[in-house]
Amino acid sequence: DVISSHQVDISQVVATAGTAMTENHLRALVRLSSHVRLAFDGDKAGLAATERAIGIAQRVRVDLSIVSMPEGFKDPDELIQADPTRWATVIDRTRPAIEWVIDQYEARGDMSTAVGKRQLTTATLQLLKIVEDPVEREHYLRILSKKTDTSLNALEERFRQSEFNTEAKQLKTVKGEVEVLKENIQQDYLLALMSIE
């Protein structure tokens, strides 16, 4: 994909070695631009890679958008081989990464049912936990509100509940780790006593 892009004089393109994008990749790129466009495949692996990249981008402060291939094309190389001029056009028509992911969640469910709406809501709220900026988060909550025909207040309440549940789980995990640590300290103390002659 990268070689084909360079051959048609679109050279500001780099490869991530599959879908394994790392924080180091984005930290290197952010020195050149604060806006990065991803052209992963639209399959499950591409969706998972995009979700991971969003989390990394939030930490590095990079704006991510997604380049979507036109219908019938798997990747940039196929598109460039068919029509080199379309690649430049496709690159200019991107969607913000979180909006793209929400659209992918929506396409994988049945939005005419309560179950489908719940699944979309659950997946999206999980994704939005990594969005630190409250204005940006509210923007995506409004998009979700329209897609599920649910009030913004209900979504905000559900988001707060999910954050509370996450914090409670983390607290429970920490308490469990402290108990294990206490037990280990007691065992170490007993072993020390037993080894004294």
C-alpha atoms as a PDB file:
ATOM      1  CA  ASP A   1       0.000   0.000   0.000  1.00  0.00           C
ATOM      2  CA  VAL A   2       2.748   2.457   0.947  1.00  0.00           C
ATOM      3  CA  ILE A   3       4.861   1.657  -2.112  1.00  0.00           C
ATOM      4  CA  SER A   4       1.880   2.082  -4.440  1.00  0.00           C
ATOM      5  CA  SER A   5       1.033   5.401  -2.814  1.00  0.00           C
ATOM      6  CA  HIS A   6       4.592   6.675  -3.221  1.00  0.00           C
ATOM      7  CA  GLN A   7       4.566   5.557  -6.878  1.00  0.00           C
ATOM      8  CA  VAL A   8       1.638   7.915  -7.564  1.00  0.00           C
ATOM      9  CA  ASP A   9       3.417  10.810  -5.784  1.00  0.00           C
ATOM     10  CA  ILE A  10       1.435  10.676  -2.534  1.00  0.00           C
ATOM     11  CA  SER A  11       4.459  10.289  -0.281  1.00  0.00           C
ATOM     12  CA  GLN A  12       3.246  11.407   3.149  1.00  0.00           C
ATOM     13  CA  VAL A  13       2.257   7.805   3.849  1.00  0.00           C
ATOM     14  CA  VAL A  14       3.850   5.330   6.256  1.00  0.00           C
ATOM     15  CA  ALA A  15       3.129   1.723   7.216  1.00  0.00           C
ATOM     16  CA  THR A  16       2.337   0.462  10.720  1.00  0.00           C
ATOM     17  CA  ALA A  17       3.522  -3.113  10.123  1.00  0.00           C
ATOM     18  CA  GLY A  18       0.059  -4.620   9.962  1.00  0.00           C
ATOM     19  CA  THR A  19      -2.384  -3.240  12.510  1.00  0.00           C
ATOM     20  CA  ALA A  20       0.211  -3.018  15.289  1.00  0.00           C
ATOM     21  CA  MET A  21       0.151   0.757  15.832  1.00  0.00           C
ATOM     22  CA  THR A  22       2.064   1.836  18.915  1.00  0.00           C
ATOM     23  CA  GLU A  23       2.395   4.986  20.968  1.00  0.00           C
ATOM     24  CA  ASN A  24       5.908   5.417  19.521  1.00  0.00           C
ATOM     25  CA  HIS A  25       4.442   5.479  15.992  1.00  0.00           C
ATOM     26  CA  LEU A  26       2.080   8.324  16.886  1.00  0.00           C
ATOM     27  CA  ARG A  27       4.685  10.201  18.917  1.00  0.00           C
ATOM     28  CA  ALA A  28       6.960  10.180  15.860  1.00  0.00           C
ATOM     29  CA  LEU A  29       4.141  11.313  13.563  1.00  0.00           C
ATOM     30  CA  VAL A  30       2.846  14.064  15.854  1.00  0.00           C
ATOM     31  CA  ARG A  31       6.133  15.906  15.320  1.00  0.00           C
ATOM     32  CA  LEU A  32       5.123  16.250  11.670  1.00  0.00           C
ATOM     33  CA  SER A  33       1.362  16.708  12.061  1.00  0.00           C
ATOM     34  CA  SER A  34      -1.249  16.663  14.813  1.00  0.00           C
ATOM     35  CA  HIS A  35      -3.716  15.043  12.411  1.00  0.00           C
ATOM     36  CA  VAL A  36      -3.208  11.428  11.368  1.00  0.00           C
ATOM     37  CA  ARG A  37      -5.354   9.496   8.884  1.00  0.00           C
ATOM     38  CA  LEU A  38      -5.612   5.715   9.197  1.00  0.00           C
ATOM     39  CA  ALA A  39      -6.397   3.410   6.288  1.00  0.00           C
ATOM     40  CA  PHE A  40      -6.946   0.094   8.057  1.00  0.00           C
ATOM     41  CA  ASP A  41      -9.219  -2.531   6.530  1.00  0.00           C
ATOM     42  CA  GLY A  42     -12.898  -2.270   7.479  1.00  0.00           C
ATOM     43  CA  ASP A  43     -13.011  -5.817   8.912  1.00  0.00           C
ATOM     44  CA  LYS A  44     -13.024  -6.846  12.597  1.00  0.00           C
ATOM     45  CA  ALA A  45      -9.236  -6.622  12.829  1.00  0.00           C
ATOM     46  CA  GLY A  46      -9.286  -3.115  11.353  1.00  0.00           C
ATOM     47  CA  LEU A  47     -12.023  -2.069  13.780  1.00  0.00           C
ATOM     48  CA  ALA A  48     -10.089  -3.450  16.763  1.00  0.00           C
ATOM     49  CA  ALA A  49      -6.899  -1.734  15.569  1.00  0.00           C
ATOM     50  CA  THR A  50      -8.767   1.557  15.208  1.00  0.00           C
ATOM     51  CA  GLU A  51     -10.196   1.252  18.733  1.00  0.00           C
ATOM     52  CA  ARG A  52      -6.670   0.688  20.090  1.00  0.00           C
ATOM     53  CA  ALA A  53      -5.324   3.601  18.038  1.00  0.00           C
ATOM     54  CA  ILE A  54      -7.987   5.945  19.450  1.00  0.00           C
ATOM     55  CA  GLY A  55      -6.813   5.214  22.982  1.00  0.00           C
ATOM     56  CA  ILE A  56      -3.206   5.867  22.014  1.00  0.00           C
ATOM     57  CA  ALA A  57      -4.144   9.043  20.135  1.00  0.00           C
ATOM     58  CA  GLN A  58      -5.971  10.397  23.195  1.00  0.00           C
ATOM     59  CA  ARG A  59      -2.788  10.005  25.262  1.00  0.00           C
ATOM     60  CA  VAL A  60      -0.536  11.519  22.588  1.00  0.00           C
ATOM     61  CA  ARG A  61      -3.021  14.293  21.659  1.00  0.00           C
ATOM     62  CA  VAL A  62      -3.375  13.369  17.995  1.00  0.00           C
ATOM     63  CA  ASP A  63      -6.559  13.870  15.985  1.00  0.00           C
ATOM     64  CA  LEU A  64      -7.328  10.618  14.181  1.00  0.00           C
ATOM     65  CA  SER A  65      -9.502  10.209  11.143  1.00  0.00           C
ATOM     66  CA  ILE A  66     -10.280   7.199   8.991  1.00  0.00           C
ATOM     67  CA  VAL A  67      -9.790   6.762   5.261  1.00  0.00           C
ATOM     68  CA  SER A  68     -12.496   4.404   4.009  1.00  0.00           C
ATOM     69  CA  MET A  69     -12.029   2.432   0.826  1.00  0.00           C
ATOM     70  CA  PRO A  70     -14.780   2.715  -1.791  1.00  0.00           C
ATOM     71  CA  GLU A  71     -17.055  -0.290  -2.244  1.00  0.00           C
ATOM     72  CA  GLY A  72     -15.261  -3.131  -4.008  1.00  0.00           C
ATOM     73  CA  PHE A  73     -11.725  -2.187  -2.920  1.00  0.00           C
ATOM     74  CA  LYS A  74      -9.968  -3.986  -0.066  1.00  0.00           C
ATOM     75  CA  ASP A  75      -7.010  -1.654   0.417  1.00  0.00           C
ATOM     76  CA  PRO A  76      -5.182   1.400  -1.024  1.00  0.00           C
ATOM     77  CA  ASP A  77      -3.047  -0.738  -3.356  1.00  0.00           C
ATOM     78  CA  GLU A  78      -6.119  -2.191  -5.107  1.00  0.00           C
ATOM     79  CA  LEU A  79      -7.627   1.280  -5.471  1.00  0.00           C
ATOM     80  CA  ILE A  80      -4.401   2.808  -6.812  1.00  0.00           C
ATOM     81  CA  GLN A  81      -3.957  -0.026  -9.326  1.00  0.00           C
ATOM     82  CA  ALA A  82      -7.513   0.542 -10.599  1.00  0.00           C
ATOM     83  CA  ASP A  83      -7.455   4.370 -10.641  1.00  0.00           C
ATOM     84  CA  PRO A  84      -4.532   6.334  -9.130  1.00  0.00           C
ATOM     85  CA  THR A  85      -6.499   9.599  -9.025  1.00  0.00           C
ATOM     86  CA  ARG A  86      -9.165   8.126  -6.731  1.00  0.00           C
ATOM     87  CA  TRP A  87      -6.649   7.527  -3.940  1.00  0.00           C
ATOM     88  CA  ALA A  88      -6.038  11.272  -3.556  1.00  0.00           C
ATOM     89  CA  THR A  89      -9.795  11.869  -3.503  1.00  0.00           C
ATOM     90  CA  VAL A  90     -10.397   9.153  -0.904  1.00  0.00           C
ATOM     91  CA  ILE A  91      -7.658  10.534   1.361  1.00  0.00           C
ATOM     92  CA  ASP A  92      -9.400  13.909   1.407  1.00  0.00           C
ATOM     93  CA  ARG A  93     -12.765  12.366   2.428  1.00  0.00           C
ATOM     94  CA  THR A  94     -12.113  11.109   5.936  1.00  0.00           C
ATOM     95  CA  ARG A  95     -14.279  10.670   9.030  1.00  0.00           C
ATOM     96  CA  PRO A  96     -13.205  11.295  12.614  1.00  0.00           C
ATOM     97  CA  ALA A  97     -12.088   7.952  14.040  1.00  0.00           C
ATOM     98  CA  ILE A  98     -14.628   7.785  16.868  1.00  0.00           C
ATOM     99  CA  GLU A  99     -17.524   8.577  14.499  1.00  0.00           C
ATOM    100  CA  TRP A 100     -16.269   5.875  12.130  1.00  0.00           C
ATOM    101  CA  VAL A 101     -16.103   3.330  14.961  1.00  0.00           C
ATOM    102  CA  ILE A 102     -19.627   4.232  16.120  1.00  0.00           C
ATOM    103  CA  ASP A 103     -20.846   3.740  12.531  1.00  0.00           C
ATOM    104  CA  GLN A 104     -19.160   0.320  12.478  1.00  0.00           C
ATOM    105  CA  TYR A 105     -20.887  -0.653  15.742  1.00  0.00           C
ATOM    106  CA  GLU A 106     -24.207   0.516  14.296  1.00  0.00           C
ATOM    107  CA  ALA A 107     -23.745  -1.468  11.073  1.00  0.00           C
ATOM    108  CA  ARG A 108     -23.117  -4.643  13.080  1.00  0.00           C
ATOM    109  CA  GLY A 109     -26.398  -4.398  15.036  1.00  0.00           C
ATOM    110  CA  ASP A 110     -30.134  -4.075  14.464  1.00  0.00           C
ATOM    111  CA  MET A 111     -31.097  -0.523  15.385  1.00  0.00           C
ATOM    112  CA  SER A 112     -34.797  -1.317  15.108  1.00  0.00           C
ATOM    113  CA  THR A 113     -34.618  -3.336  18.346  1.00  0.00           C
ATOM    114  CA  ALA A 114     -33.961  -2.393  21.964  1.00  0.00           C
ATOM    115  CA  VAL A 115     -31.199  -5.030  22.114  1.00  0.00           C
ATOM    116  CA  GLY A 116     -29.421  -3.533  19.101  1.00  0.00           C
ATOM    117  CA  LYS A 117     -29.630  -0.038  20.594  1.00  0.00           C
ATOM    118  CA  ARG A 118     -28.375  -1.311  23.952  1.00  0.00           C
ATOM    119  CA  GLN A 119     -25.413  -3.046  22.286  1.00  0.00           C
ATOM    120  CA  LEU A 120     -24.535   0.097  20.333  1.00  0.00           C
ATOM    121  CA  THR A 121     -24.838   2.194  23.490  1.00  0.00           C
ATOM    122  CA  THR A 122     -22.735  -0.182  25.598  1.00  0.00           C
ATOM    123  CA  ALA A 123     -19.930  -0.403  23.013  1.00  0.00           C
ATOM    124  CA  THR A 124     -19.905   3.354  22.383  1.00  0.00           C
ATOM    125  CA  LEU A 125     -19.901   4.303  26.071  1.00  0.00           C
ATOM    126  CA  GLN A 126     -17.023   1.889  26.641  1.00  0.00           C
ATOM    127  CA  LEU A 127     -15.121   3.642  23.847  1.00  0.00           C
ATOM    128  CA  LEU A 128     -15.948   7.113  25.195  1.00  0.00           C
ATOM    129  CA  LYS A 129     -14.347   6.310  28.557  1.00  0.00           C
ATOM    130  CA  ILE A 130     -10.988   7.077  26.981  1.00  0.00           C
ATOM    131  CA  VAL A 131     -12.117  10.506  25.708  1.00  0.00           C
ATOM    132  CA  GLU A 132     -10.847  12.997  28.274  1.00  0.00           C
ATOM    133  CA  ASP A 133     -12.303  16.218  26.888  1.00  0.00           C
ATOM    134  CA  PRO A 134     -15.914  16.657  28.134  1.00  0.00           C
ATOM    135  CA  VAL A 135     -16.929  18.758  25.106  1.00  0.00           C
ATOM    136  CA  GLU A 136     -15.659  16.112  22.695  1.00  0.00           C
ATOM    137  CA  ARG A 137     -17.356  13.377  24.734  1.00  0.00           C
ATOM    138  CA  GLU A 138     -20.683  15.241  24.699  1.00  0.00           C
ATOM    139  CA  HIS A 139     -20.393  15.642  20.920  1.00  0.00           C
ATOM    140  CA  TYR A 140     -20.230  11.865  20.518  1.00  0.00           C
ATOM    141  CA  LEU A 141     -22.977  11.317  23.086  1.00  0.00           C
ATOM    142  CA  ARG A 142     -25.231  13.563  20.972  1.00  0.00           C
ATOM    143  CA  ILE A 143     -24.439  11.456  17.891  1.00  0.00           C
ATOM    144  CA  LEU A 144     -25.276   8.318  19.882  1.00  0.00           C
ATOM    145  CA  SER A 145     -28.473   9.963  21.132  1.00  0.00           C
ATOM    146  CA  LYS A 146     -29.658  10.486  17.548  1.00  0.00           C
ATOM    147  CA  LYS A 147     -28.695   6.988  16.431  1.00  0.00           C
ATOM    148  CA  THR A 148     -30.529   5.283  19.317  1.00  0.00           C
ATOM    149  CA  ASP A 149     -33.377   7.798  19.684  1.00  0.00           C
ATOM    150  CA  THR A 150     -32.414   8.143  23.353  1.00  0.00           C
ATOM    151  CA  SER A 151     -32.248  11.340  25.411  1.00  0.00           C
ATOM    152  CA  LEU A 152     -28.846  12.865  26.062  1.00  0.00           C
ATOM    153  CA  ASN A 153     -29.653  12.871  29.805  1.00  0.00           C
ATOM    154  CA  ALA A 154     -30.250   9.101  29.788  1.00  0.00           C
ATOM    155  CA  LEU A 155     -26.953   8.493  27.992  1.00  0.00           C
ATOM    156  CA  GLU A 156     -25.039  10.784  30.350  1.00  0.00           C
ATOM    157  CA  GLU A 157     -26.558   8.967  33.348  1.00  0.00           C
ATOM    158  CA  ARG A 158     -25.634   5.578  31.882  1.00  0.00           C
ATOM    159  CA  PHE A 159     -22.117   6.859  31.183  1.00  0.00           C
ATOM    160  CA  ARG A 160     -21.747   8.006  34.825  1.00  0.00           C
ATOM    161  CA  GLN A 161     -23.014   4.617  36.034  1.00  0.00           C
ATOM    162  CA  SER A 162     -20.574   2.729  33.828  1.00  0.00           C
ATOM    163  CA  GLU A 163     -17.699   4.909  35.067  1.00  0.00           C
ATOM    164  CA  PHE A 164     -18.791   4.299  38.690  1.00  0.00           C
ATOM    165  CA  ASN A 165     -18.952   0.526  38.047  1.00  0.00           C
ATOM    166  CA  THR A 166     -15.488   0.596  36.480  1.00  0.00           C
ATOM    167  CA  GLU A 167     -14.086   2.506  39.463  1.00  0.00           C
ATOM    168  CA  ALA A 168     -15.791   0.078  41.876  1.00  0.00           C
ATOM    169  CA  LYS A 169     -14.259  -2.902  40.023  1.00  0.00           C
ATOM    170  CA  GLN A 170     -10.836  -1.265  40.106  1.00  0.00           C
ATOM    171  CA  LEU A 171     -11.201  -0.587  43.834  1.00  0.00           C
ATOM    172  CA  LYS A 172     -12.236  -4.200  44.445  1.00  0.00           C
ATOM    173  CA  THR A 173      -9.198  -5.394  42.458  1.00  0.00           C
ATOM    174  CA  VAL A 174      -6.878  -3.134  44.476  1.00  0.00           C
ATOM    175  CA  LYS A 175      -8.401  -4.366  47.763  1.00  0.00           C
ATOM    176  CA  GLY A 176      -7.886  -7.969  46.615  1.00  0.00           C
ATOM    177  CA  GLU A 177      -4.267  -7.243  45.728  1.00  0.00           C
ATOM    178  CA  VAL A 178      -3.709  -5.631  49.164  1.00  0.00           C
ATOM    179  CA  GLU A 179      -5.143  -8.731  50.883  1.00  0.00           C
ATOM    180  CA  VAL A 180      -2.821 -10.998  48.870  1.00  0.00           C
ATOM    181  CA  LEU A 181       0.103  -8.717  49.739  1.00  0.00           C
ATOM    182  CA  LYS A 182      -0.776  -8.868  53.462  1.00  0.00           C
ATOM    183  CA  GLU A 183      -0.971 -12.658  53.293  1.00  0.00           C
ATOM    184  CA  ASN A 184       2.404 -12.812  51.510  1.00  0.00           C
ATOM    185  CA  ILE A 185       3.986 -10.540  54.139  1.00  0.00           C
ATOM    186  CA  GLN A 186       2.673 -12.786  56.939  1.00  0.00           C
ATOM    187  CA  GLN A 187       4.014 -15.878  55.175  1.00  0.00           C
ATOM    188  CA  ASP A 188       7.394 -14.209  54.671  1.00  0.00           C
ATOM    189  CA  TYR A 189       7.464 -13.264  58.363  1.00  0.00           C
ATOM    190  CA  LEU A 190       6.670 -16.830  59.432  1.00  0.00           C
ATOM    191  CA  LEU A 191       9.323 -18.248  57.095  1.00  0.00           C
ATOM    192  CA  ALA A 192      11.834 -15.777  58.524  1.00  0.00           C
ATOM    193  CA  LEU A 193      10.996 -16.872  62.073  1.00  0.00           C
ATOM    194  CA  MET A 194      11.295 -20.544  61.120  1.00  0.00           C
ATOM    195  CA  SER A 195      14.708 -20.016  59.573  1.00  0.00           C
ATOM    196  CA  ILE A 196      16.159 -18.493  62.780  1.00  0.00           C
ATOM    197  CA  GLU A 197      18.112 -21.059  64.706  1.00  0.00           C
END
